[in-house]
């Protein structure tokens, strides 16, 4: 099995490794590393997009590495938007955690899905919203947006 760091080296990308620790358990989630790695990849892209979006999909809070808000703030300083998709049954607290610690940027949002059969539809809605922004949400997209799921575009 390749690690994230090995894949980054295979891609000739410099991924952040200053806080990387090998997992001691299969239950480790390092959201900050995911944000920082995605940000590094976006920063090394050969061209820029009008909307640079990082997608974080998870089923709970970060329990390894640095505080995700620090990585999110750095991504925002680079002009990147961080959106989230919460999967699972402990949704209310996980959605709030993502809103507070993970997502950020103009038009950022958190989506939620508790039923595995809805995953494909949720991902399609998420990609539409990533590209167009939450102001363009359709009724089918909005079913995955919890109340107060979007950030104010003008914080």
C-alpha atoms as a PDB file:
ATOM      1  CA  UNK A   1       0.000   0.000   0.000  1.00  0.00           C
ATOM      2  CA  UNK A   2       1.345   3.445  -0.909  1.00  0.00           C
ATOM      3  CA  UNK A   3       1.157   6.285   1.545  1.00  0.00           C
ATOM      4  CA  UNK A   4       0.063   9.791   0.670  1.00  0.00           C
ATOM      5  CA  UNK A   5       3.687  10.923   0.882  1.00  0.00           C
ATOM      6  CA  UNK A   6       4.870   8.199  -1.519  1.00  0.00           C
ATOM      7  CA  UNK A   7       2.151   9.103  -4.018  1.00  0.00           C
ATOM      8  CA  UNK A   8       3.153  12.762  -3.807  1.00  0.00           C
ATOM      9  CA  UNK A   9       6.754  11.835  -4.566  1.00  0.00           C
ATOM     10  CA  UNK A  10       5.598   9.756  -7.517  1.00  0.00           C
ATOM     11  CA  UNK A  11       3.790  12.839  -8.808  1.00  0.00           C
ATOM     12  CA  UNK A  12       6.877  15.048  -8.254  1.00  0.00           C
ATOM     13  CA  UNK A  13       4.869  17.152  -5.839  1.00  0.00           C
ATOM     14  CA  UNK A  14       6.029  18.536  -2.528  1.00  0.00           C
ATOM     15  CA  UNK A  15       3.428  17.568   0.029  1.00  0.00           C
ATOM     16  CA  UNK A  16       3.558  18.960   3.561  1.00  0.00           C
ATOM     17  CA  UNK A  17       5.252  16.494   5.870  1.00  0.00           C
ATOM     18  CA  UNK A  18       6.226  18.593   8.879  1.00  0.00           C
ATOM     19  CA  UNK A  19       3.501  17.135  11.084  1.00  0.00           C
ATOM     20  CA  UNK A  20       2.965  13.773   9.449  1.00  0.00           C
ATOM     21  CA  UNK A  21       2.971  10.825  11.803  1.00  0.00           C
ATOM     22  CA  UNK A  22       2.531   7.237  10.732  1.00  0.00           C
ATOM     23  CA  UNK A  23      -0.832   5.887  11.756  1.00  0.00           C
ATOM     24  CA  UNK A  24      -0.722   3.718  14.848  1.00  0.00           C
ATOM     25  CA  UNK A  25      -4.297   2.674  14.262  1.00  0.00           C
ATOM     26  CA  UNK A  26      -6.612   2.246  11.316  1.00  0.00           C
ATOM     27  CA  UNK A  27      -8.873   4.863  12.908  1.00  0.00           C
ATOM     28  CA  UNK A  28      -6.649   7.946  12.459  1.00  0.00           C
ATOM     29  CA  UNK A  29      -8.059  10.938  10.582  1.00  0.00           C
ATOM     30  CA  UNK A  30      -5.767  13.892   9.825  1.00  0.00           C
ATOM     31  CA  UNK A  31      -7.977  16.490   8.164  1.00  0.00           C
ATOM     32  CA  UNK A  32      -5.265  19.163   8.320  1.00  0.00           C
ATOM     33  CA  UNK A  33      -2.875  16.976   6.324  1.00  0.00           C
ATOM     34  CA  UNK A  34      -5.602  16.404   3.731  1.00  0.00           C
ATOM     35  CA  UNK A  35      -6.229  20.160   3.411  1.00  0.00           C
ATOM     36  CA  UNK A  36      -2.529  21.023   3.285  1.00  0.00           C
ATOM     37  CA  UNK A  37      -1.809  18.318   0.707  1.00  0.00           C
ATOM     38  CA  UNK A  38      -4.684  19.443  -1.511  1.00  0.00           C
ATOM     39  CA  UNK A  39      -3.582  23.060  -1.149  1.00  0.00           C
ATOM     40  CA  UNK A  40      -0.024  22.153  -2.179  1.00  0.00           C
ATOM     41  CA  UNK A  41      -1.346  20.355  -5.253  1.00  0.00           C
ATOM     42  CA  UNK A  42      -3.536  23.337  -6.204  1.00  0.00           C
ATOM     43  CA  UNK A  43      -0.610  25.725  -5.690  1.00  0.00           C
ATOM     44  CA  UNK A  44       1.557  23.645  -8.030  1.00  0.00           C
ATOM     45  CA  UNK A  45      -1.072  23.422 -10.783  1.00  0.00           C
ATOM     46  CA  UNK A  46       0.143  24.737 -14.146  1.00  0.00           C
ATOM     47  CA  UNK A  47      -2.798  27.154 -14.392  1.00  0.00           C
ATOM     48  CA  UNK A  48      -5.272  28.846 -12.064  1.00  0.00           C
ATOM     49  CA  UNK A  49      -9.022  28.433 -11.927  1.00  0.00           C
ATOM     50  CA  UNK A  50     -11.602  31.095 -10.994  1.00  0.00           C
ATOM     51  CA  UNK A  51     -12.590  28.825  -8.064  1.00  0.00           C
ATOM     52  CA  UNK A  52      -9.978  26.642  -6.382  1.00  0.00           C
ATOM     53  CA  UNK A  53     -11.931  24.195  -4.225  1.00  0.00           C
ATOM     54  CA  UNK A  54     -10.695  21.589  -1.757  1.00  0.00           C
ATOM     55  CA  UNK A  55     -13.189  18.843  -0.891  1.00  0.00           C
ATOM     56  CA  UNK A  56     -13.004  17.125   2.470  1.00  0.00           C
ATOM     57  CA  UNK A  57     -15.180  14.047   2.929  1.00  0.00           C
ATOM     58  CA  UNK A  58     -15.288  12.396   6.323  1.00  0.00           C
ATOM     59  CA  UNK A  59     -17.303  10.763   9.037  1.00  0.00           C
ATOM     60  CA  UNK A  60     -16.091  12.642  12.078  1.00  0.00           C
ATOM     61  CA  UNK A  61     -13.566  15.023  13.567  1.00  0.00           C
ATOM     62  CA  UNK A  62      -9.826  15.005  13.037  1.00  0.00           C
ATOM     63  CA  UNK A  63      -7.990  12.938  15.633  1.00  0.00           C
ATOM     64  CA  UNK A  64      -4.422  13.184  14.373  1.00  0.00           C
ATOM     65  CA  UNK A  65      -2.044  15.948  13.343  1.00  0.00           C
ATOM     66  CA  UNK A  66      -2.554  19.685  13.661  1.00  0.00           C
ATOM     67  CA  UNK A  67      -5.830  21.553  14.146  1.00  0.00           C
ATOM     68  CA  UNK A  68      -7.703  21.571  10.788  1.00  0.00           C
ATOM     69  CA  UNK A  69      -8.644  25.252  11.177  1.00  0.00           C
ATOM     70  CA  UNK A  70      -4.974  26.250  10.796  1.00  0.00           C
ATOM     71  CA  UNK A  71      -4.713  24.374   7.501  1.00  0.00           C
ATOM     72  CA  UNK A  72      -8.075  25.760   6.368  1.00  0.00           C
ATOM     73  CA  UNK A  73      -6.961  29.315   7.168  1.00  0.00           C
ATOM     74  CA  UNK A  74      -3.734  28.836   5.191  1.00  0.00           C
ATOM     75  CA  UNK A  75      -5.731  27.495   2.231  1.00  0.00           C
ATOM     76  CA  UNK A  76      -8.034  30.514   2.409  1.00  0.00           C
ATOM     77  CA  UNK A  77      -5.012  32.842   2.419  1.00  0.00           C
ATOM     78  CA  UNK A  78      -3.958  31.115  -0.823  1.00  0.00           C
ATOM     79  CA  UNK A  79      -7.394  31.936  -2.284  1.00  0.00           C
ATOM     80  CA  UNK A  80      -8.768  28.419  -1.918  1.00  0.00           C
ATOM     81  CA  UNK A  81     -12.220  27.364  -0.730  1.00  0.00           C
ATOM     82  CA  UNK A  82     -12.654  24.330   1.536  1.00  0.00           C
ATOM     83  CA  UNK A  83     -15.985  22.466   1.348  1.00  0.00           C
ATOM     84  CA  UNK A  84     -17.074  19.421   3.319  1.00  0.00           C
ATOM     85  CA  UNK A  85     -19.253  16.352   2.981  1.00  0.00           C
ATOM     86  CA  UNK A  86     -20.121  14.604   6.247  1.00  0.00           C
ATOM     87  CA  UNK A  87     -21.017  10.936   5.937  1.00  0.00           C
ATOM     88  CA  UNK A  88     -22.596   8.860   8.681  1.00  0.00           C
ATOM     89  CA  UNK A  89     -25.073   8.873  11.508  1.00  0.00           C
ATOM     90  CA  UNK A  90     -23.625  11.302  14.088  1.00  0.00           C
ATOM     91  CA  UNK A  91     -24.407  14.097  11.667  1.00  0.00           C
ATOM     92  CA  UNK A  92     -25.420  17.063  13.825  1.00  0.00           C
ATOM     93  CA  UNK A  93     -22.201  17.272  15.831  1.00  0.00           C
ATOM     94  CA  UNK A  94     -20.041  16.321  12.841  1.00  0.00           C
ATOM     95  CA  UNK A  95     -21.664  18.957  10.610  1.00  0.00           C
ATOM     96  CA  UNK A  96     -21.060  21.573  13.311  1.00  0.00           C
ATOM     97  CA  UNK A  97     -17.428  20.410  13.673  1.00  0.00           C
ATOM     98  CA  UNK A  98     -16.888  20.758   9.918  1.00  0.00           C
ATOM     99  CA  UNK A  99     -18.508  24.213   9.914  1.00  0.00           C
ATOM    100  CA  UNK A 100     -16.305  25.380  12.787  1.00  0.00           C
ATOM    101  CA  UNK A 101     -12.979  23.683  12.014  1.00  0.00           C
ATOM    102  CA  UNK A 102     -12.881  22.549   8.381  1.00  0.00           C
ATOM    103  CA  UNK A 103     -14.829  24.554   5.781  1.00  0.00           C
ATOM    104  CA  UNK A 104     -14.093  28.125   4.835  1.00  0.00           C
ATOM    105  CA  UNK A 105     -13.941  30.657   2.053  1.00  0.00           C
ATOM    106  CA  UNK A 106     -16.509  32.561   0.012  1.00  0.00           C
ATOM    107  CA  UNK A 107     -19.553  30.372  -0.582  1.00  0.00           C
ATOM    108  CA  UNK A 108     -18.116  27.402   1.306  1.00  0.00           C
ATOM    109  CA  UNK A 109     -20.559  24.762   2.477  1.00  0.00           C
ATOM    110  CA  UNK A 110     -21.050  21.508   4.357  1.00  0.00           C
ATOM    111  CA  UNK A 111     -23.212  18.735   2.956  1.00  0.00           C
ATOM    112  CA  UNK A 112     -24.455  15.695   4.816  1.00  0.00           C
ATOM    113  CA  UNK A 113     -25.521  12.202   3.863  1.00  0.00           C
ATOM    114  CA  UNK A 114     -26.551   9.459   6.272  1.00  0.00           C
ATOM    115  CA  UNK A 115     -27.817   6.871   3.815  1.00  0.00           C
ATOM    116  CA  UNK A 116     -25.075   5.086   1.812  1.00  0.00           C
ATOM    117  CA  UNK A 117     -27.505   4.703  -1.095  1.00  0.00           C
ATOM    118  CA  UNK A 118     -27.488   8.510  -1.465  1.00  0.00           C
ATOM    119  CA  UNK A 119     -23.708   8.828  -1.847  1.00  0.00           C
ATOM    120  CA  UNK A 120     -23.598   9.018  -5.633  1.00  0.00           C
ATOM    121  CA  UNK A 121     -26.338  11.637  -5.758  1.00  0.00           C
ATOM    122  CA  UNK A 122     -24.678  13.598  -2.932  1.00  0.00           C
ATOM    123  CA  UNK A 123     -21.333  13.619  -4.753  1.00  0.00           C
ATOM    124  CA  UNK A 124     -22.966  14.836  -7.964  1.00  0.00           C
ATOM    125  CA  UNK A 125     -24.704  17.624  -6.040  1.00  0.00           C
ATOM    126  CA  UNK A 126     -21.422  18.477  -4.329  1.00  0.00           C
ATOM    127  CA  UNK A 127     -19.535  18.753  -7.604  1.00  0.00           C
ATOM    128  CA  UNK A 128     -22.250  20.984  -9.081  1.00  0.00           C
ATOM    129  CA  UNK A 129     -22.057  23.240  -6.025  1.00  0.00           C
ATOM    130  CA  UNK A 130     -18.245  23.233  -6.051  1.00  0.00           C
ATOM    131  CA  UNK A 131     -18.272  24.548  -9.595  1.00  0.00           C
ATOM    132  CA  UNK A 132     -21.259  26.900  -9.529  1.00  0.00           C
ATOM    133  CA  UNK A 133     -21.368  27.829  -5.847  1.00  0.00           C
ATOM    134  CA  UNK A 134     -24.206  27.310  -3.372  1.00  0.00           C
ATOM    135  CA  UNK A 135     -26.218  30.236  -4.738  1.00  0.00           C
ATOM    136  CA  UNK A 136     -26.909  28.033  -7.778  1.00  0.00           C
ATOM    137  CA  UNK A 137     -28.196  25.055  -5.750  1.00  0.00           C
ATOM    138  CA  UNK A 138     -31.116  23.143  -7.207  1.00  0.00           C
ATOM    139  CA  UNK A 139     -33.839  21.524  -5.112  1.00  0.00           C
ATOM    140  CA  UNK A 140     -32.121  18.143  -5.506  1.00  0.00           C
ATOM    141  CA  UNK A 141     -28.807  19.658  -4.333  1.00  0.00           C
ATOM    142  CA  UNK A 142     -30.408  21.354  -1.330  1.00  0.00           C
ATOM    143  CA  UNK A 143     -31.616  18.077   0.172  1.00  0.00           C
ATOM    144  CA  UNK A 144     -27.999  17.432   1.240  1.00  0.00           C
ATOM    145  CA  UNK A 145     -27.405  20.912   2.676  1.00  0.00           C
ATOM    146  CA  UNK A 146     -28.225  21.108   6.396  1.00  0.00           C
ATOM    147  CA  UNK A 147     -29.795  24.306   7.708  1.00  0.00           C
ATOM    148  CA  UNK A 148     -27.204  27.102   7.822  1.00  0.00           C
ATOM    149  CA  UNK A 149     -24.790  24.977   5.809  1.00  0.00           C
ATOM    150  CA  UNK A 150     -23.266  27.777   3.767  1.00  0.00           C
ATOM    151  CA  UNK A 151     -20.893  30.465   4.889  1.00  0.00           C
ATOM    152  CA  UNK A 152     -21.631  34.109   4.284  1.00  0.00           C
ATOM    153  CA  UNK A 153     -19.656  35.023   1.146  1.00  0.00           C
ATOM    154  CA  UNK A 154     -18.689  38.325   2.789  1.00  0.00           C
ATOM    155  CA  UNK A 155     -17.425  37.369   6.275  1.00  0.00           C
END
